[in-house]
Amino acid sequence: MKTTLIAGVKPAKFDKHIIGNLLLNQATEDEVRMEKLLIGVRNEDGEIYRLIGATKPNSFMNAVEELGELDLIDELKDYDDPQDGYDAIFSEE
């Protein structure tokens, strides 16, 4: 999976836990957005600051599970289709 921070947006305080729990390769924002499945992560201000891109559904589901184990909530869990280009958006409750 690929990841990037969005320029100019403050990372969340819990970001170090994401990096510690998921196997992610740093990439450019364009490279991450080209992946088949896209996850956004919101900071405490409600802004998406990190993108995670997955090529395979299996990788996507592993990332969703890991983020859930960090007590992050998937805002799009009740949607069948992507919203605003995101397949999942995680944030603290």
PDB file of N, CA and C in Angstrom:
ATOM      1  N   MET A   1       0.836  -1.171   0.000  1.00  0.00           N
ATOM      2  CA  MET A   1       0.000   0.000   0.000  1.00  0.00           C
ATOM      3  C   MET A   1       0.886   1.241   0.000  1.00  0.00           C
ATOM      4  N   LYS A   2       0.345   2.284  -0.590  1.00  0.00           N
ATOM      5  CA  LYS A   2       1.072   3.551  -0.674  1.00  0.00           C
ATOM      6  C   LYS A   2       0.378   4.592   0.196  1.00  0.00           C
ATOM      7  N   THR A   3       1.161   5.545   0.680  1.00  0.00           N
ATOM      8  CA  THR A   3       0.591   6.604   1.507  1.00  0.00           C
ATOM      9  C   THR A   3       1.322   7.913   1.257  1.00  0.00           C
ATOM     10  N   THR A   4       0.636   8.995   1.599  1.00  0.00           N
ATOM     11  CA  THR A   4       1.236  10.324   1.531  1.00  0.00           C
ATOM     12  C   THR A   4       0.502  11.238   2.501  1.00  0.00           C
ATOM     13  N   LEU A   5       1.216  12.245   2.959  1.00  0.00           N
ATOM     14  CA  LEU A   5       0.581  13.317   3.722  1.00  0.00           C
ATOM     15  C   LEU A   5       0.177  14.398   2.731  1.00  0.00           C
ATOM     16  N   ILE A   6      -0.963  15.022   2.965  1.00  0.00           N
ATOM     17  CA  ILE A   6      -1.403  16.110   2.095  1.00  0.00           C
ATOM     18  C   ILE A   6      -0.688  17.386   2.541  1.00  0.00           C
ATOM     19  N   ALA A   7      -0.031  18.021   1.597  1.00  0.00           N
ATOM     20  CA  ALA A   7       0.764  19.221   1.885  1.00  0.00           C
ATOM     21  C   ALA A   7      -0.104  20.310   2.515  1.00  0.00           C
ATOM     22  N   GLY A   8       0.419  20.905   3.564  1.00  0.00           N
ATOM     23  CA  GLY A   8      -0.257  22.028   4.202  1.00  0.00           C
ATOM     24  C   GLY A   8      -1.336  21.656   5.189  1.00  0.00           C
ATOM     25  N   VAL A   9      -1.559  20.358   5.420  1.00  0.00           N
ATOM     26  CA  VAL A   9      -2.587  19.928   6.372  1.00  0.00           C
ATOM     27  C   VAL A   9      -1.884  19.254   7.554  1.00  0.00           C
ATOM     28  N   LYS A  10      -2.238  19.672   8.749  1.00  0.00           N
ATOM     29  CA  LYS A  10      -1.591  19.184   9.971  1.00  0.00           C
ATOM     30  C   LYS A  10      -1.943  17.721  10.237  1.00  0.00           C
ATOM     31  N   PRO A  11      -0.926  16.865  10.430  1.00  0.00           N
ATOM     32  CA  PRO A  11      -1.195  15.454  10.769  1.00  0.00           C
ATOM     33  C   PRO A  11      -1.879  15.332  12.130  1.00  0.00           C
ATOM     34  N   ALA A  12      -2.639  14.269  12.288  1.00  0.00           N
ATOM     35  CA  ALA A  12      -3.310  13.999  13.562  1.00  0.00           C
ATOM     36  C   ALA A  12      -2.296  13.540  14.602  1.00  0.00           C
ATOM     37  N   LYS A  13      -2.636  13.737  15.861  1.00  0.00           N
ATOM     38  CA  LYS A  13      -1.752  13.307  16.947  1.00  0.00           C
ATOM     39  C   LYS A  13      -1.559  11.795  16.945  1.00  0.00           C
ATOM     40  N   PHE A  14      -2.552  11.054  16.468  1.00  0.00           N
ATOM     41  CA  PHE A  14      -2.476   9.591  16.451  1.00  0.00           C
ATOM     42  C   PHE A  14      -1.766   9.035  15.217  1.00  0.00           C
ATOM     43  N   ASP A  15      -1.229   9.906  14.365  1.00  0.00           N
ATOM     44  CA  ASP A  15      -0.644   9.453  13.097  1.00  0.00           C
ATOM     45  C   ASP A  15       0.490   8.454  13.294  1.00  0.00           C
ATOM     46  N   LYS A  16       1.294   8.619  14.332  1.00  0.00           N
ATOM     47  CA  LYS A  16       2.412   7.695  14.558  1.00  0.00           C
ATOM     48  C   LYS A  16       1.920   6.258  14.752  1.00  0.00           C
ATOM     49  N   HIS A  17       0.709   6.084  15.247  1.00  0.00           N
ATOM     50  CA  HIS A  17       0.149   4.737  15.432  1.00  0.00           C
ATOM     51  C   HIS A  17      -0.215   4.119  14.080  1.00  0.00           C
ATOM     52  N   ILE A  18      -0.664   4.942  13.155  1.00  0.00           N
ATOM     53  CA  ILE A  18      -0.979   4.444  11.810  1.00  0.00           C
ATOM     54  C   ILE A  18       0.294   3.944  11.143  1.00  0.00           C
ATOM     55  N   ILE A  19       1.340   4.752  11.209  1.00  0.00           N
ATOM     56  CA  ILE A  19       2.617   4.384  10.600  1.00  0.00           C
ATOM     57  C   ILE A  19       3.186   3.130  11.270  1.00  0.00           C
ATOM     58  N   GLY A  20       2.995   3.009  12.570  1.00  0.00           N
ATOM     59  CA  GLY A  20       3.512   1.858  13.307  1.00  0.00           C
ATOM     60  C   GLY A  20       2.750   0.574  13.056  1.00  0.00           C
ATOM     61  N   ASN A  21       1.463   0.663  12.715  1.00  0.00           N
ATOM     62  CA  ASN A  21       0.629  -0.533  12.583  1.00  0.00           C
ATOM     63  C   ASN A  21       0.421  -1.001  11.150  1.00  0.00           C
ATOM     64  N   LEU A  22       0.619  -0.132  10.184  1.00  0.00           N
ATOM     65  CA  LEU A  22       0.381  -0.504   8.787  1.00  0.00           C
ATOM     66  C   LEU A  22       1.683  -0.490   8.007  1.00  0.00           C
ATOM     67  N   LEU A  23       1.830  -1.439   7.114  1.00  0.00           N
ATOM     68  CA  LEU A  23       2.981  -1.461   6.217  1.00  0.00           C
ATOM     69  C   LEU A  23       2.675  -0.556   5.040  1.00  0.00           C
ATOM     70  N   LEU A  24       3.266   0.636   5.055  1.00  0.00           N
ATOM     71  CA  LEU A  24       2.968   1.631   4.036  1.00  0.00           C
ATOM     72  C   LEU A  24       4.250   2.112   3.373  1.00  0.00           C
ATOM     73  N   ASN A  25       4.177   2.316   2.072  1.00  0.00           N
ATOM     74  CA  ASN A  25       5.293   2.880   1.317  1.00  0.00           C
ATOM     75  C   ASN A  25       4.975   4.330   0.991  1.00  0.00           C
ATOM     76  N   GLN A  26       5.916   5.225   1.267  1.00  0.00           N
ATOM     77  CA  GLN A  26       5.730   6.637   0.944  1.00  0.00           C
ATOM     78  C   GLN A  26       5.673   6.818  -0.572  1.00  0.00           C
ATOM     79  N   ALA A  27       4.784   7.670  -1.018  1.00  0.00           N
ATOM     80  CA  ALA A  27       4.629   7.959  -2.441  1.00  0.00           C
ATOM     81  C   ALA A  27       4.131   9.392  -2.584  1.00  0.00           C
ATOM     82  N   THR A  28       4.035   9.857  -3.826  1.00  0.00           N
ATOM     83  CA  THR A  28       3.483  11.187  -4.053  1.00  0.00           C
ATOM     84  C   THR A  28       1.960  11.105  -3.962  1.00  0.00           C
ATOM     85  N   GLU A  29       1.331  12.254  -3.785  1.00  0.00           N
ATOM     86  CA  GLU A  29      -0.137  12.273  -3.724  1.00  0.00           C
ATOM     87  C   GLU A  29      -0.741  11.718  -5.013  1.00  0.00           C
ATOM     88  N   ASP A  30      -0.182  12.084  -6.163  1.00  0.00           N
ATOM     89  CA  ASP A  30      -0.697  11.578  -7.442  1.00  0.00           C
ATOM     90  C   ASP A  30      -0.594  10.066  -7.528  1.00  0.00           C
ATOM     91  N   GLU A  31       0.529   9.496  -7.058  1.00  0.00           N
ATOM     92  CA  GLU A  31       0.705   8.041  -7.093  1.00  0.00           C
ATOM     93  C   GLU A  31      -0.313   7.336  -6.205  1.00  0.00           C
ATOM     94  N   VAL A  32      -0.553   7.899  -5.027  1.00  0.00           N
ATOM     95  CA  VAL A  32      -1.517   7.292  -4.109  1.00  0.00           C
ATOM     96  C   VAL A  32      -2.928   7.366  -4.697  1.00  0.00           C
ATOM     97  N   ARG A  33      -3.272   8.494  -5.279  1.00  0.00           N
ATOM     98  CA  ARG A  33      -4.620   8.658  -5.851  1.00  0.00           C
ATOM     99  C   ARG A  33      -4.860   7.748  -7.059  1.00  0.00           C
ATOM    100  N   MET A  34      -3.795   7.230  -7.672  1.00  0.00           N
ATOM    101  CA  MET A  34      -3.960   6.322  -8.812  1.00  0.00           C
ATOM    102  C   MET A  34      -4.257   4.884  -8.377  1.00  0.00           C
ATOM    103  N   GLU A  35      -4.119   4.582  -7.095  1.00  0.00           N
ATOM    104  CA  GLU A  35      -4.415   3.242  -6.601  1.00  0.00           C
ATOM    105  C   GLU A  35      -5.914   2.965  -6.741  1.00  0.00           C
ATOM    106  N   LYS A  36      -6.259   1.682  -6.805  1.00  0.00           N
ATOM    107  CA  LYS A  36      -7.652   1.266  -7.047  1.00  0.00           C
ATOM    108  C   LYS A  36      -8.594   1.681  -5.910  1.00  0.00           C
ATOM    109  N   LEU A  37      -8.122   1.568  -4.669  1.00  0.00           N
ATOM    110  CA  LEU A  37      -8.942   1.872  -3.494  1.00  0.00           C
ATOM    111  C   LEU A  37      -8.253   2.949  -2.665  1.00  0.00           C
ATOM    112  N   LEU A  38      -9.024   3.937  -2.219  1.00  0.00           N
ATOM    113  CA  LEU A  38      -8.443   5.085  -1.528  1.00  0.00           C
ATOM    114  C   LEU A  38      -9.070   5.280  -0.152  1.00  0.00           C
ATOM    115  N   ILE A  39      -8.191   5.427   0.839  1.00  0.00           N
ATOM    116  CA  ILE A  39      -8.614   5.691   2.216  1.00  0.00           C
ATOM    117  C   ILE A  39      -8.112   7.080   2.601  1.00  0.00           C
ATOM    118  N   GLY A  40      -8.980   7.869   3.209  1.00  0.00           N
ATOM    119  CA  GLY A  40      -8.590   9.160   3.753  1.00  0.00           C
ATOM    120  C   GLY A  40      -8.596   9.080   5.270  1.00  0.00           C
ATOM    121  N   VAL A  41      -7.706   9.830   5.910  1.00  0.00           N
ATOM    122  CA  VAL A  41      -7.670   9.885   7.372  1.00  0.00           C
ATOM    123  C   VAL A  41      -7.771  11.351   7.780  1.00  0.00           C
ATOM    124  N   ARG A  42      -8.709  11.642   8.692  1.00  0.00           N
ATOM    125  CA  ARG A  42      -8.934  13.017   9.149  1.00  0.00           C
ATOM    126  C   ARG A  42      -8.144  13.318  10.418  1.00  0.00           C
ATOM    127  N   ASN A  43      -7.708  14.574  10.525  1.00  0.00           N
ATOM    128  CA  ASN A  43      -7.064  15.036  11.761  1.00  0.00           C
ATOM    129  C   ASN A  43      -8.138  15.538  12.736  1.00  0.00           C
ATOM    130  N   GLU A  44      -7.693  16.073  13.855  1.00  0.00           N
ATOM    131  CA  GLU A  44      -8.618  16.553  14.883  1.00  0.00           C
ATOM    132  C   GLU A  44      -9.468  17.728  14.414  1.00  0.00           C
ATOM    133  N   ASP A  45      -9.030  18.431  13.370  1.00  0.00           N
ATOM    134  CA  ASP A  45      -9.791  19.554  12.816  1.00  0.00           C
ATOM    135  C   ASP A  45     -10.804  19.111  11.759  1.00  0.00           C
ATOM    136  N   GLY A  46     -10.866  17.792  11.494  1.00  0.00           N
ATOM    137  CA  GLY A  46     -11.807  17.276  10.507  1.00  0.00           C
ATOM    138  C   GLY A  46     -11.305  17.329   9.076  1.00  0.00           C
ATOM    139  N   GLU A  47     -10.025  17.656   8.889  1.00  0.00           N
ATOM    140  CA  GLU A  47      -9.454  17.735   7.542  1.00  0.00           C
ATOM    141  C   GLU A  47      -8.758  16.417   7.190  1.00  0.00           C
ATOM    142  N   ILE A  48      -8.917  15.980   5.957  1.00  0.00           N
ATOM    143  CA  ILE A  48      -8.187  14.791   5.516  1.00  0.00           C
ATOM    144  C   ILE A  48      -6.729  15.199   5.317  1.00  0.00           C
ATOM    145  N   TYR A  49      -5.851  14.534   6.064  1.00  0.00           N
ATOM    146  CA  TYR A  49      -4.427  14.880   6.024  1.00  0.00           C
ATOM    147  C   TYR A  49      -3.560  13.759   5.457  1.00  0.00           C
ATOM    148  N   ARG A  50      -4.063  12.524   5.479  1.00  0.00           N
ATOM    149  CA  ARG A  50      -3.288  11.387   4.985  1.00  0.00           C
ATOM    150  C   ARG A  50      -4.135  10.590   4.011  1.00  0.00           C
ATOM    151  N   LEU A  51      -3.494  10.170   2.921  1.00  0.00           N
ATOM    152  CA  LEU A  51      -4.126   9.273   1.955  1.00  0.00           C
ATOM    153  C   LEU A  51      -3.412   7.940   2.002  1.00  0.00           C
ATOM    154  N   ILE A  52      -4.199   6.876   1.909  1.00  0.00           N
ATOM    155  CA  ILE A  52      -3.656   5.521   1.825  1.00  0.00           C
ATOM    156  C   ILE A  52      -4.301   4.878   0.611  1.00  0.00           C
ATOM    157  N   GLY A  53      -3.477   4.377  -0.290  1.00  0.00           N
ATOM    158  CA  GLY A  53      -3.981   3.747  -1.500  1.00  0.00           C
ATOM    159  C   GLY A  53      -3.661   2.275  -1.513  1.00  0.00           C
ATOM    160  N   ALA A  54      -4.632   1.464  -1.900  1.00  0.00           N
ATOM    161  CA  ALA A  54      -4.455   0.011  -1.980  1.00  0.00           C
ATOM    162  C   ALA A  54      -4.827  -0.459  -3.380  1.00  0.00           C
ATOM    163  N   THR A  55      -4.024  -1.372  -3.914  1.00  0.00           N
ATOM    164  CA  THR A  55      -4.291  -1.928  -5.232  1.00  0.00           C
ATOM    165  C   THR A  55      -5.290  -3.071  -5.148  1.00  0.00           C
ATOM    166  N   LYS A  56      -5.168  -3.901  -4.107  1.00  0.00           N
ATOM    167  CA  LYS A  56      -5.988  -5.110  -3.980  1.00  0.00           C
ATOM    168  C   LYS A  56      -7.020  -4.959  -2.867  1.00  0.00           C
ATOM    169  N   PRO A  57      -8.222  -5.489  -3.077  1.00  0.00           N
ATOM    170  CA  PRO A  57      -9.248  -5.440  -2.022  1.00  0.00           C
ATOM    171  C   PRO A  57      -8.763  -6.049  -0.705  1.00  0.00           C
ATOM    172  N   ASN A  58      -7.945  -7.091  -0.784  1.00  0.00           N
ATOM    173  CA  ASN A  58      -7.429  -7.730   0.419  1.00  0.00           C
ATOM    174  C   ASN A  58      -6.582  -6.757   1.234  1.00  0.00           C
ATOM    175  N   SER A  59      -5.708  -6.009   0.571  1.00  0.00           N
ATOM    176  CA  SER A  59      -4.881  -5.003   1.251  1.00  0.00           C
ATOM    177  C   SER A  59      -5.758  -3.909   1.861  1.00  0.00           C
ATOM    178  N   PHE A  60      -6.762  -3.493   1.108  1.00  0.00           N
ATOM    179  CA  PHE A  60      -7.705  -2.473   1.582  1.00  0.00           C
ATOM    180  C   PHE A  60      -8.392  -2.950   2.864  1.00  0.00           C
ATOM    181  N   MET A  61      -8.889  -4.176   2.852  1.00  0.00           N
ATOM    182  CA  MET A  61      -9.598  -4.707   4.021  1.00  0.00           C
ATOM    183  C   MET A  61      -8.663  -4.833   5.223  1.00  0.00           C
ATOM    184  N   ASN A  62      -7.411  -5.211   4.986  1.00  0.00           N
ATOM    185  CA  ASN A  62      -6.434  -5.272   6.084  1.00  0.00           C
ATOM    186  C   ASN A  62      -6.218  -3.892   6.685  1.00  0.00           C
ATOM    187  N   ALA A  63      -6.100  -2.871   5.837  1.00  0.00           N
ATOM    188  CA  ALA A  63      -5.912  -1.502   6.324  1.00  0.00           C
ATOM    189  C   ALA A  63      -7.129  -1.042   7.117  1.00  0.00           C
ATOM    190  N   VAL A  64      -8.323  -1.322   6.611  1.00  0.00           N
ATOM    191  CA  VAL A  64      -9.562  -0.946   7.306  1.00  0.00           C
ATOM    192  C   VAL A  64      -9.616  -1.606   8.686  1.00  0.00           C
ATOM    193  N   GLU A  65      -9.250  -2.873   8.738  1.00  0.00           N
ATOM    194  CA  GLU A  65      -9.251  -3.600  10.009  1.00  0.00           C
ATOM    195  C   GLU A  65      -8.240  -2.991  10.987  1.00  0.00           C
ATOM    196  N   GLU A  66      -7.036  -2.718  10.520  1.00  0.00           N
ATOM    197  CA  GLU A  66      -5.999  -2.140  11.376  1.00  0.00           C
ATOM    198  C   GLU A  66      -6.403  -0.761  11.890  1.00  0.00           C
ATOM    199  N   LEU A  67      -6.979   0.064  11.026  1.00  0.00           N
ATOM    200  CA  LEU A  67      -7.413   1.394  11.441  1.00  0.00           C
ATOM    201  C   LEU A  67      -8.539   1.298  12.467  1.00  0.00           C
ATOM    202  N   GLY A  68      -9.428   0.328  12.281  1.00  0.00           N
ATOM    203  CA  GLY A  68     -10.494   0.091  13.250  1.00  0.00           C
ATOM    204  C   GLY A  68      -9.947  -0.328  14.604  1.00  0.00           C
ATOM    205  N   GLU A  69      -8.871  -1.122  14.592  1.00  0.00           N
ATOM    206  CA  GLU A  69      -8.253  -1.554  15.843  1.00  0.00           C
ATOM    207  C   GLU A  69      -7.575  -0.397  16.577  1.00  0.00           C
ATOM    208  N   LEU A  70      -7.310   0.691  15.867  1.00  0.00           N
ATOM    209  CA  LEU A  70      -6.769   1.904  16.496  1.00  0.00           C
ATOM    210  C   LEU A  70      -7.888   2.795  17.029  1.00  0.00           C
ATOM    211  N   ASP A  71      -9.107   2.247  17.063  1.00  0.00           N
ATOM    212  CA  ASP A  71     -10.297   2.965  17.534  1.00  0.00           C
ATOM    213  C   ASP A  71     -10.681   4.131  16.633  1.00  0.00           C
ATOM    214  N   LEU A  72     -10.324   4.031  15.361  1.00  0.00           N
ATOM    215  CA  LEU A  72     -10.764   5.028  14.389  1.00  0.00           C
ATOM    216  C   LEU A  72     -12.053   4.530  13.756  1.00  0.00           C
ATOM    217  N   ILE A  73     -12.919   5.435  13.393  1.00  0.00           N
ATOM    218  CA  ILE A  73     -14.240   5.115  12.857  1.00  0.00           C
ATOM    219  C   ILE A  73     -14.263   5.384  11.354  1.00  0.00           C
ATOM    220  N   ASP A  74     -14.783   4.428  10.580  1.00  0.00           N
ATOM    221  CA  ASP A  74     -14.942   4.604   9.133  1.00  0.00           C
ATOM    222  C   ASP A  74     -16.262   5.321   8.880  1.00  0.00           C
ATOM    223  N   GLU A  75     -16.167   6.569   8.478  1.00  0.00           N
ATOM    224  CA  GLU A  75     -17.362   7.377   8.221  1.00  0.00           C
ATOM    225  C   GLU A  75     -18.194   6.832   7.062  1.00  0.00           C
ATOM    226  N   LEU A  76     -17.589   6.046   6.192  1.00  0.00           N
ATOM    227  CA  LEU A  76     -18.283   5.562   4.991  1.00  0.00           C
ATOM    228  C   LEU A  76     -18.709   4.104   5.096  1.00  0.00           C
ATOM    229  N   LYS A  77     -18.687   3.529   6.297  1.00  0.00           N
ATOM    230  CA  LYS A  77     -18.984   2.097   6.429  1.00  0.00           C
ATOM    231  C   LYS A  77     -20.395   1.725   5.981  1.00  0.00           C
ATOM    232  N   ASP A  78     -21.316   2.666   6.003  1.00  0.00           N
ATOM    233  CA  ASP A  78     -22.698   2.373   5.611  1.00  0.00           C
ATOM    234  C   ASP A  78     -22.970   2.648   4.133  1.00  0.00           C
ATOM    235  N   TYR A  79     -21.936   3.038   3.382  1.00  0.00           N
ATOM    236  CA  TYR A  79     -22.084   3.322   1.951  1.00  0.00           C
ATOM    237  C   TYR A  79     -21.558   2.156   1.123  1.00  0.00           C
ATOM    238  N   ASP A  80     -22.251   1.852   0.030  1.00  0.00           N
ATOM    239  CA  ASP A  80     -21.804   0.792  -0.867  1.00  0.00           C
ATOM    240  C   ASP A  80     -20.829   1.302  -1.918  1.00  0.00           C
ATOM    241  N   ASP A  81     -20.915   2.569  -2.243  1.00  0.00           N
ATOM    242  CA  ASP A  81     -20.084   3.142  -3.291  1.00  0.00           C
ATOM    243  C   ASP A  81     -19.157   4.208  -2.707  1.00  0.00           C
ATOM    244  N   PRO A  82     -18.045   4.477  -3.392  1.00  0.00           N
ATOM    245  CA  PRO A  82     -17.138   5.529  -2.924  1.00  0.00           C
ATOM    246  C   PRO A  82     -17.861   6.875  -2.807  1.00  0.00           C
ATOM    247  N   GLN A  83     -17.396   7.698  -1.864  1.00  0.00           N
ATOM    248  CA  GLN A  83     -17.938   9.035  -1.657  1.00  0.00           C
ATOM    249  C   GLN A  83     -16.807  10.036  -1.862  1.00  0.00           C
ATOM    250  N   ASP A  84     -17.014  10.970  -2.775  1.00  0.00           N
ATOM    251  CA  ASP A  84     -16.003  11.996  -3.075  1.00  0.00           C
ATOM    252  C   ASP A  84     -14.646  11.379  -3.420  1.00  0.00           C
ATOM    253  N   GLY A  85     -14.659  10.194  -4.036  1.00  0.00           N
ATOM    254  CA  GLY A  85     -13.426   9.527  -4.453  1.00  0.00           C
ATOM    255  C   GLY A  85     -12.801   8.635  -3.396  1.00  0.00           C
ATOM    256  N   TYR A  86     -13.372   8.594  -2.202  1.00  0.00           N
ATOM    257  CA  TYR A  86     -12.828   7.784  -1.114  1.00  0.00           C
ATOM    258  C   TYR A  86     -13.671   6.531  -0.897  1.00  0.00           C
ATOM    259  N   ASP A  87     -12.981   5.415  -0.679  1.00  0.00           N
ATOM    260  CA  ASP A  87     -13.654   4.158  -0.349  1.00  0.00           C
ATOM    261  C   ASP A  87     -13.873   4.032   1.152  1.00  0.00           C
ATOM    262  N   ALA A  88     -13.058   4.748   1.922  1.00  0.00           N
ATOM    263  CA  ALA A  88     -13.193   4.798   3.390  1.00  0.00           C
ATOM    264  C   ALA A  88     -12.563   6.112   3.856  1.00  0.00           C
ATOM    265  N   ILE A  89     -13.138   6.685   4.906  1.00  0.00           N
ATOM    266  CA  ILE A  89     -12.566   7.864   5.543  1.00  0.00           C
ATOM    267  C   ILE A  89     -12.588   7.597   7.051  1.00  0.00           C
ATOM    268  N   PHE A  90     -11.409   7.605   7.651  1.00  0.00           N
ATOM    269  CA  PHE A  90     -11.303   7.314   9.077  1.00  0.00           C
ATOM    270  C   PHE A  90     -11.036   8.570   9.881  1.00  0.00           C
ATOM    271  N   SER A  91     -11.623   8.604  11.074  1.00  0.00           N
ATOM    272  CA  SER A  91     -11.408   9.708  11.999  1.00  0.00           C
ATOM    273  C   SER A  91     -11.651   9.208  13.415  1.00  0.00           C
ATOM    274  N   GLU A  92     -11.203  10.015  14.381  1.00  0.00           N
ATOM    275  CA  GLU A  92     -11.525   9.709  15.772  1.00  0.00           C
ATOM    276  C   GLU A  92     -12.994  10.046  15.970  1.00  0.00           C
ATOM    277  N   GLU A  93     -13.596   9.395  16.925  1.00  0.00           N
ATOM    278  CA  GLU A  93     -15.010   9.641  17.187  1.00  0.00           C
ATOM    279  C   GLU A  93     -15.241  10.983  17.817  1.00  0.00           C
TER     280      GLU A  93
END
